[in-house]
Amino acid sequence: MSATVQVIAHQGGWDEILMVAAPLALLAGVLWLADRRARRMEPPDPEG
């Protein structure tokens, strides 16, 4: 096994955390961006 694979594999759990946290952070960012864009597209309130 190469040294790079040994360094990446099972280093105290941080690699497993990144495998979960990175997609969650990406999803949160996409949802935040979509919400921001949707709020900009809303028509103004007719009552003021």
PDB file of N, CA and C in Angstrom:
ATOM      1  N   MET A   1       0.844  -1.178   0.000  1.00  0.00           N
ATOM      2  CA  MET A   1       0.000   0.000   0.000  1.00  0.00           C
ATOM      3  C   MET A   1       0.889   1.242   0.000  1.00  0.00           C
ATOM      4  N   SER A   2       0.524   2.241  -0.787  1.00  0.00           N
ATOM      5  CA  SER A   2       1.367   3.430  -0.877  1.00  0.00           C
ATOM      6  C   SER A   2       1.231   4.301   0.363  1.00  0.00           C
ATOM      7  N   ALA A   3       2.203   5.165   0.558  1.00  0.00           N
ATOM      8  CA  ALA A   3       2.223   6.033   1.742  1.00  0.00           C
ATOM      9  C   ALA A   3       1.057   7.011   1.732  1.00  0.00           C
ATOM     10  N   THR A   4       0.665   7.482   0.553  1.00  0.00           N
ATOM     11  CA  THR A   4      -0.448   8.435   0.461  1.00  0.00           C
ATOM     12  C   THR A   4      -1.750   7.804   0.919  1.00  0.00           C
ATOM     13  N   VAL A   5      -2.005   6.590   0.503  1.00  0.00           N
ATOM     14  CA  VAL A   5      -3.229   5.898   0.896  1.00  0.00           C
ATOM     15  C   VAL A   5      -3.225   5.653   2.397  1.00  0.00           C
ATOM     16  N   GLN A   6      -2.087   5.321   2.956  1.00  0.00           N
ATOM     17  CA  GLN A   6      -2.010   5.077   4.386  1.00  0.00           C
ATOM     18  C   GLN A   6      -2.250   6.354   5.182  1.00  0.00           C
ATOM     19  N   VAL A   7      -1.811   7.488   4.665  1.00  0.00           N
ATOM     20  CA  VAL A   7      -1.999   8.755   5.364  1.00  0.00           C
ATOM     21  C   VAL A   7      -3.471   9.157   5.325  1.00  0.00           C
ATOM     22  N   ILE A   8      -4.133   8.949   4.196  1.00  0.00           N
ATOM     23  CA  ILE A   8      -5.526   9.364   4.046  1.00  0.00           C
ATOM     24  C   ILE A   8      -6.467   8.439   4.814  1.00  0.00           C
ATOM     25  N   ALA A   9      -6.156   7.184   4.903  1.00  0.00           N
ATOM     26  CA  ALA A   9      -7.077   6.209   5.473  1.00  0.00           C
ATOM     27  C   ALA A   9      -7.044   6.210   6.998  1.00  0.00           C
ATOM     28  N   HIS A  10      -8.173   6.418   7.602  1.00  0.00           N
ATOM     29  CA  HIS A  10      -8.408   6.257   9.037  1.00  0.00           C
ATOM     30  C   HIS A  10      -7.435   7.039   9.910  1.00  0.00           C
ATOM     31  N   GLN A  11      -7.464   8.322   9.777  1.00  0.00           N
ATOM     32  CA  GLN A  11      -6.626   9.187  10.597  1.00  0.00           C
ATOM     33  C   GLN A  11      -7.447   9.790  11.731  1.00  0.00           C
ATOM     34  N   GLY A  12      -7.908   8.988  12.642  1.00  0.00           N
ATOM     35  CA  GLY A  12      -8.628   9.488  13.796  1.00  0.00           C
ATOM     36  C   GLY A  12     -10.057   9.893  13.520  1.00  0.00           C
ATOM     37  N   GLY A  13     -10.577   9.569  12.377  1.00  0.00           N
ATOM     38  CA  GLY A  13     -11.971   9.847  12.075  1.00  0.00           C
ATOM     39  C   GLY A  13     -12.210  11.128  11.299  1.00  0.00           C
ATOM     40  N   TRP A  14     -11.197  11.970  11.103  1.00  0.00           N
ATOM     41  CA  TRP A  14     -11.430  13.230  10.410  1.00  0.00           C
ATOM     42  C   TRP A  14     -11.816  13.018   8.963  1.00  0.00           C
ATOM     43  N   ASP A  15     -11.295  11.976   8.338  1.00  0.00           N
ATOM     44  CA  ASP A  15     -11.638  11.739   6.938  1.00  0.00           C
ATOM     45  C   ASP A  15     -13.099  11.315   6.800  1.00  0.00           C
ATOM     46  N   GLU A  16     -13.605  10.538   7.752  1.00  0.00           N
ATOM     47  CA  GLU A  16     -15.006  10.150   7.709  1.00  0.00           C
ATOM     48  C   GLU A  16     -15.913  11.351   7.971  1.00  0.00           C
ATOM     49  N   ILE A  17     -15.466  12.236   8.859  1.00  0.00           N
ATOM     50  CA  ILE A  17     -16.236  13.450   9.138  1.00  0.00           C
ATOM     51  C   ILE A  17     -16.325  14.307   7.878  1.00  0.00           C
ATOM     52  N   LEU A  18     -15.217  14.446   7.158  1.00  0.00           N
ATOM     53  CA  LEU A  18     -15.232  15.241   5.931  1.00  0.00           C
ATOM     54  C   LEU A  18     -16.138  14.621   4.872  1.00  0.00           C
ATOM     55  N   MET A  19     -16.207  13.296   4.831  1.00  0.00           N
ATOM     56  CA  MET A  19     -17.055  12.635   3.845  1.00  0.00           C
ATOM     57  C   MET A  19     -18.541  12.920   4.105  1.00  0.00           C
ATOM     58  N   VAL A  20     -18.889  13.256   5.323  1.00  0.00           N
ATOM     59  CA  VAL A  20     -20.272  13.605   5.659  1.00  0.00           C
ATOM     60  C   VAL A  20     -20.452  15.115   5.637  1.00  0.00           C
ATOM     61  N   ALA A  21     -19.516  15.846   6.215  1.00  0.00           N
ATOM     62  CA  ALA A  21     -19.661  17.289   6.368  1.00  0.00           C
ATOM     63  C   ALA A  21     -19.582  18.034   5.034  1.00  0.00           C
ATOM     64  N   ALA A  22     -18.743  17.599   4.134  1.00  0.00           N
ATOM     65  CA  ALA A  22     -18.586  18.313   2.869  1.00  0.00           C
ATOM     66  C   ALA A  22     -19.878  18.306   2.046  1.00  0.00           C
ATOM     67  N   PRO A  23     -20.524  17.169   1.836  1.00  0.00           N
ATOM     68  CA  PRO A  23     -21.791  17.207   1.090  1.00  0.00           C
ATOM     69  C   PRO A  23     -22.883  17.984   1.827  1.00  0.00           C
ATOM     70  N   LEU A  24     -22.917  17.894   3.154  1.00  0.00           N
ATOM     71  CA  LEU A  24     -23.910  18.662   3.904  1.00  0.00           C
ATOM     72  C   LEU A  24     -23.673  20.164   3.758  1.00  0.00           C
ATOM     73  N   ALA A  25     -22.433  20.578   3.803  1.00  0.00           N
ATOM     74  CA  ALA A  25     -22.114  21.993   3.634  1.00  0.00           C
ATOM     75  C   ALA A  25     -22.459  22.459   2.220  1.00  0.00           C
ATOM     76  N   LEU A  26     -22.191  21.631   1.243  1.00  0.00           N
ATOM     77  CA  LEU A  26     -22.533  21.968  -0.134  1.00  0.00           C
ATOM     78  C   LEU A  26     -24.051  22.112  -0.290  1.00  0.00           C
ATOM     79  N   LEU A  27     -24.796  21.183   0.260  1.00  0.00           N
ATOM     80  CA  LEU A  27     -26.253  21.238   0.196  1.00  0.00           C
ATOM     81  C   LEU A  27     -26.787  22.481   0.906  1.00  0.00           C
ATOM     82  N   ALA A  28     -26.249  22.795   2.075  1.00  0.00           N
ATOM     83  CA  ALA A  28     -26.676  23.985   2.804  1.00  0.00           C
ATOM     84  C   ALA A  28     -26.394  25.245   1.986  1.00  0.00           C
ATOM     85  N   GLY A  29     -25.256  25.295   1.329  1.00  0.00           N
ATOM     86  CA  GLY A  29     -24.925  26.450   0.494  1.00  0.00           C
ATOM     87  C   GLY A  29     -25.862  26.594  -0.692  1.00  0.00           C
ATOM     88  N   VAL A  30     -26.197  25.498  -1.326  1.00  0.00           N
ATOM     89  CA  VAL A  30     -27.115  25.545  -2.465  1.00  0.00           C
ATOM     90  C   VAL A  30     -28.505  25.978  -2.009  1.00  0.00           C
ATOM     91  N   LEU A  31     -28.965  25.460  -0.876  1.00  0.00           N
ATOM     92  CA  LEU A  31     -30.277  25.865  -0.359  1.00  0.00           C
ATOM     93  C   LEU A  31     -30.292  27.338   0.031  1.00  0.00           C
ATOM     94  N   TRP A  32     -29.219  27.821   0.640  1.00  0.00           N
ATOM     95  CA  TRP A  32     -29.132  29.234   1.001  1.00  0.00           C
ATOM     96  C   TRP A  32     -29.187  30.111  -0.248  1.00  0.00           C
ATOM     97  N   LEU A  33     -28.444  29.710  -1.282  1.00  0.00           N
ATOM     98  CA  LEU A  33     -28.431  30.473  -2.521  1.00  0.00           C
ATOM     99  C   LEU A  33     -29.807  30.466  -3.182  1.00  0.00           C
ATOM    100  N   ALA A  34     -30.468  29.329  -3.214  1.00  0.00           N
ATOM    101  CA  ALA A  34     -31.804  29.240  -3.813  1.00  0.00           C
ATOM    102  C   ALA A  34     -32.808  30.094  -3.035  1.00  0.00           C
ATOM    103  N   ASP A  35     -32.720  30.086  -1.719  1.00  0.00           N
ATOM    104  CA  ASP A  35     -33.623  30.897  -0.899  1.00  0.00           C
ATOM    105  C   ASP A  35     -33.397  32.381  -1.163  1.00  0.00           C
ATOM    106  N   ARG A  36     -32.145  32.770  -1.264  1.00  0.00           N
ATOM    107  CA  ARG A  36     -31.816  34.179  -1.516  1.00  0.00           C
ATOM    108  C   ARG A  36     -32.359  34.628  -2.866  1.00  0.00           C
ATOM    109  N   ARG A  37     -32.201  33.776  -3.872  1.00  0.00           N
ATOM    110  CA  ARG A  37     -32.698  34.121  -5.207  1.00  0.00           C
ATOM    111  C   ARG A  37     -34.218  34.143  -5.240  1.00  0.00           C
ATOM    112  N   ALA A  38     -34.863  33.227  -4.523  1.00  0.00           N
ATOM    113  CA  ALA A  38     -36.326  33.192  -4.498  1.00  0.00           C
ATOM    114  C   ALA A  38     -36.883  34.433  -3.812  1.00  0.00           C
ATOM    115  N   ARG A  39     -36.242  34.883  -2.757  1.00  0.00           N
ATOM    116  CA  ARG A  39     -36.703  36.091  -2.063  1.00  0.00           C
ATOM    117  C   ARG A  39     -36.564  37.329  -2.954  1.00  0.00           C
ATOM    118  N   ARG A  40     -35.562  37.363  -3.783  1.00  0.00           N
ATOM    119  CA  ARG A  40     -35.391  38.496  -4.698  1.00  0.00           C
ATOM    120  C   ARG A  40     -36.479  38.514  -5.778  1.00  0.00           C
ATOM    121  N   MET A  41     -37.008  37.355  -6.140  1.00  0.00           N
ATOM    122  CA  MET A  41     -37.988  37.258  -7.214  1.00  0.00           C
ATOM    123  C   MET A  41     -39.419  37.526  -6.745  1.00  0.00           C
ATOM    124  N   GLU A  42     -39.671  37.583  -5.454  1.00  0.00           N
ATOM    125  CA  GLU A  42     -41.022  37.803  -4.953  1.00  0.00           C
ATOM    126  C   GLU A  42     -41.518  39.183  -5.364  1.00  0.00           C
ATOM    127  N   PRO A  43     -42.793  39.285  -5.782  1.00  0.00           N
ATOM    128  CA  PRO A  43     -43.329  40.606  -6.114  1.00  0.00           C
ATOM    129  C   PRO A  43     -43.494  41.445  -4.855  1.00  0.00           C
ATOM    130  N   PRO A  44     -43.434  42.742  -4.991  1.00  0.00           N
ATOM    131  CA  PRO A  44     -43.591  43.595  -3.814  1.00  0.00           C
ATOM    132  C   PRO A  44     -44.996  43.447  -3.202  1.00  0.00           C
ATOM    133  N   ASP A  45     -45.084  43.664  -1.918  1.00  0.00           N
ATOM    134  CA  ASP A  45     -46.355  43.567  -1.204  1.00  0.00           C
ATOM    135  C   ASP A  45     -47.241  44.749  -1.609  1.00  0.00           C
ATOM    136  N   PRO A  46     -48.470  44.497  -2.119  1.00  0.00           N
ATOM    137  CA  PRO A  46     -49.327  45.596  -2.568  1.00  0.00           C
ATOM    138  C   PRO A  46     -49.784  46.511  -1.436  1.00  0.00           C
ATOM    139  N   GLU A  47     -49.779  46.009  -0.195  1.00  0.00           N
ATOM    140  CA  GLU A  47     -50.225  46.809   0.932  1.00  0.00           C
ATOM    141  C   GLU A  47     -49.111  47.695   1.493  1.00  0.00           C
ATOM    142  N   GLY A  48     -47.909  47.472   1.006  1.00  0.00           N
ATOM    143  CA  GLY A  48     -46.799  48.315   1.449  1.00  0.00           C
ATOM    144  C   GLY A  48     -46.037  47.682   2.497  1.00  0.00           C
TER     145      GLY A  48
END
